[in-house]
N, C-alpha and C. Protein backbone atom coordinates (compact mmCIF):
# COMPACT_ATOMS: atom_id res chain seq x y z
N UNK A 1 80.44 -44.77 -7.41
CA UNK A 1 79.14 -44.45 -6.84
C UNK A 1 78.09 -44.54 -7.94
N UNK A 2 76.87 -44.84 -7.51
CA UNK A 2 75.77 -44.97 -8.45
C UNK A 2 74.73 -43.89 -8.22
N UNK A 3 74.06 -43.49 -9.26
CA UNK A 3 73.01 -42.48 -9.23
C UNK A 3 71.79 -43.01 -8.49
N UNK A 4 71.22 -42.18 -7.63
CA UNK A 4 70.02 -42.61 -6.90
C UNK A 4 68.78 -42.60 -7.79
N UNK A 5 68.83 -41.90 -8.89
CA UNK A 5 67.68 -41.81 -9.80
C UNK A 5 67.63 -43.00 -10.77
N UNK A 6 68.76 -43.27 -11.46
CA UNK A 6 68.74 -44.28 -12.52
C UNK A 6 69.74 -45.40 -12.29
N UNK A 7 70.53 -45.31 -11.23
CA UNK A 7 71.57 -46.29 -10.88
C UNK A 7 72.72 -46.30 -11.88
N UNK A 8 72.85 -45.21 -12.65
CA UNK A 8 73.98 -45.08 -13.57
C UNK A 8 75.24 -44.66 -12.82
N UNK A 9 76.32 -44.52 -13.54
CA UNK A 9 77.62 -44.20 -12.96
C UNK A 9 77.74 -42.70 -12.70
N UNK A 10 78.15 -42.33 -11.47
CA UNK A 10 78.41 -40.94 -11.12
C UNK A 10 79.89 -40.66 -11.33
N UNK A 11 80.19 -39.56 -12.02
CA UNK A 11 81.57 -39.15 -12.26
C UNK A 11 81.79 -37.76 -11.69
N UNK A 12 83.00 -37.53 -11.18
CA UNK A 12 83.35 -36.23 -10.64
C UNK A 12 83.43 -35.23 -11.78
N UNK A 13 82.93 -34.02 -11.53
CA UNK A 13 82.95 -32.97 -12.53
C UNK A 13 83.02 -31.62 -11.81
N UNK A 14 83.18 -30.56 -12.55
CA UNK A 14 83.14 -29.21 -12.00
C UNK A 14 82.04 -28.44 -12.72
N UNK A 15 81.20 -27.78 -11.94
CA UNK A 15 80.12 -26.97 -12.48
C UNK A 15 80.63 -25.54 -12.58
N UNK A 16 80.58 -24.97 -13.75
CA UNK A 16 81.08 -23.62 -13.95
C UNK A 16 79.99 -22.72 -14.51
N UNK A 17 79.99 -21.48 -14.02
CA UNK A 17 79.05 -20.49 -14.53
C UNK A 17 79.68 -19.83 -15.76
N UNK A 18 78.89 -19.61 -16.76
CA UNK A 18 79.38 -18.94 -17.96
C UNK A 18 78.65 -17.62 -18.12
N UNK A 19 79.15 -16.79 -18.98
CA UNK A 19 78.55 -15.49 -19.28
C UNK A 19 78.51 -14.57 -18.06
N UNK A 20 79.61 -14.51 -17.31
CA UNK A 20 79.70 -13.55 -16.21
C UNK A 20 78.89 -13.90 -14.98
N UNK A 21 78.67 -15.17 -14.71
CA UNK A 21 77.93 -15.58 -13.53
C UNK A 21 78.70 -15.27 -12.25
N UNK A 22 78.09 -15.47 -11.12
CA UNK A 22 78.71 -15.17 -9.84
C UNK A 22 79.80 -16.17 -9.47
N UNK A 23 79.75 -17.37 -9.99
CA UNK A 23 80.72 -18.40 -9.66
C UNK A 23 81.92 -18.26 -10.58
N UNK A 24 83.06 -17.97 -10.00
CA UNK A 24 84.28 -17.82 -10.80
C UNK A 24 85.06 -19.13 -10.88
N UNK A 25 85.03 -19.92 -9.82
CA UNK A 25 85.72 -21.20 -9.81
C UNK A 25 84.72 -22.32 -10.00
N UNK A 26 85.21 -23.46 -10.42
CA UNK A 26 84.32 -24.60 -10.60
C UNK A 26 83.86 -25.16 -9.27
N UNK A 27 82.60 -25.54 -9.18
CA UNK A 27 82.03 -26.15 -7.98
C UNK A 27 82.12 -27.66 -8.17
N UNK A 28 82.74 -28.38 -7.21
CA UNK A 28 82.85 -29.83 -7.37
C UNK A 28 81.48 -30.50 -7.23
N UNK A 29 81.14 -31.32 -8.21
CA UNK A 29 79.86 -32.03 -8.22
C UNK A 29 80.10 -33.44 -8.74
N UNK A 30 79.11 -34.29 -8.52
CA UNK A 30 79.06 -35.59 -9.18
C UNK A 30 77.94 -35.53 -10.19
N UNK A 31 78.21 -35.98 -11.41
CA UNK A 31 77.22 -35.95 -12.49
C UNK A 31 77.05 -37.37 -13.02
N UNK A 32 75.77 -37.77 -13.19
CA UNK A 32 75.47 -39.10 -13.73
C UNK A 32 75.69 -39.07 -15.24
N UNK A 33 76.45 -40.04 -15.73
CA UNK A 33 76.72 -40.05 -17.17
C UNK A 33 75.53 -40.60 -17.97
N UNK A 34 74.56 -41.18 -17.27
CA UNK A 34 73.41 -41.75 -17.97
C UNK A 34 72.23 -40.77 -18.03
N UNK A 35 71.83 -40.20 -16.88
CA UNK A 35 70.64 -39.34 -16.87
C UNK A 35 70.94 -37.86 -16.67
N UNK A 36 72.18 -37.51 -16.27
CA UNK A 36 72.55 -36.12 -16.11
C UNK A 36 72.30 -35.54 -14.73
N UNK A 37 71.84 -36.34 -13.78
CA UNK A 37 71.62 -35.88 -12.41
C UNK A 37 72.90 -35.25 -11.87
N UNK A 38 72.79 -34.09 -11.21
CA UNK A 38 73.94 -33.40 -10.62
C UNK A 38 73.75 -33.38 -9.11
N UNK A 39 74.79 -33.79 -8.38
CA UNK A 39 74.74 -33.84 -6.92
C UNK A 39 75.95 -33.10 -6.38
N UNK A 40 75.70 -32.12 -5.50
CA UNK A 40 76.79 -31.41 -4.84
C UNK A 40 76.60 -31.49 -3.33
N UNK A 41 77.46 -30.83 -2.58
CA UNK A 41 77.41 -30.93 -1.11
C UNK A 41 76.12 -30.35 -0.54
N UNK A 42 75.57 -29.30 -1.14
CA UNK A 42 74.33 -28.69 -0.64
C UNK A 42 73.15 -29.65 -0.85
N UNK A 43 73.10 -30.28 -1.99
CA UNK A 43 72.03 -31.24 -2.27
C UNK A 43 72.10 -32.40 -1.27
N UNK A 44 73.31 -32.90 -1.01
CA UNK A 44 73.46 -34.01 -0.06
C UNK A 44 73.05 -33.59 1.35
N UNK A 45 73.40 -32.37 1.77
CA UNK A 45 73.00 -31.88 3.10
C UNK A 45 71.48 -31.78 3.21
N UNK A 46 70.84 -31.25 2.18
CA UNK A 46 69.38 -31.10 2.21
C UNK A 46 68.68 -32.45 2.23
N UNK A 47 69.19 -33.42 1.47
CA UNK A 47 68.59 -34.76 1.48
C UNK A 47 68.74 -35.42 2.85
N UNK A 48 69.91 -35.25 3.47
CA UNK A 48 70.14 -35.83 4.80
C UNK A 48 69.24 -35.16 5.83
N UNK A 49 69.10 -33.85 5.75
CA UNK A 49 68.24 -33.13 6.69
C UNK A 49 66.79 -33.56 6.53
N UNK A 50 66.33 -33.69 5.30
CA UNK A 50 64.95 -34.11 5.06
C UNK A 50 64.71 -35.52 5.58
N UNK A 51 65.69 -36.41 5.39
CA UNK A 51 65.55 -37.79 5.88
C UNK A 51 65.49 -37.81 7.41
N UNK A 52 66.32 -36.97 8.05
CA UNK A 52 66.31 -36.90 9.52
C UNK A 52 64.99 -36.35 10.03
N UNK A 53 64.47 -35.32 9.37
CA UNK A 53 63.20 -34.72 9.80
C UNK A 53 62.04 -35.69 9.61
N UNK A 54 62.04 -36.43 8.52
CA UNK A 54 60.94 -37.38 8.29
C UNK A 54 60.99 -38.53 9.28
N UNK A 55 62.20 -38.89 9.73
CA UNK A 55 62.33 -39.93 10.73
C UNK A 55 61.84 -39.49 12.10
N UNK A 56 61.96 -38.20 12.41
CA UNK A 56 61.51 -37.67 13.68
C UNK A 56 59.99 -37.51 13.76
N UNK A 57 59.36 -37.29 12.61
CA UNK A 57 57.92 -37.05 12.59
C UNK A 57 57.13 -38.34 12.74
N UNK A 58 57.71 -39.47 12.55
CA UNK A 58 56.98 -40.74 12.60
C UNK A 58 56.87 -41.26 13.97
């Protein structure tokens, strides 16, 4: 997969909270190795919802 920002390579990673954060397990994300963009399931849902809403308003 390619990054939507810079078209770099997206690699699977786990996002972990440090210093006693609320997240105890790693959250699966895709991270761009070129620009550092992080994409998870919530970001993808919000982007899809925004695209659907903008399509309805036109």
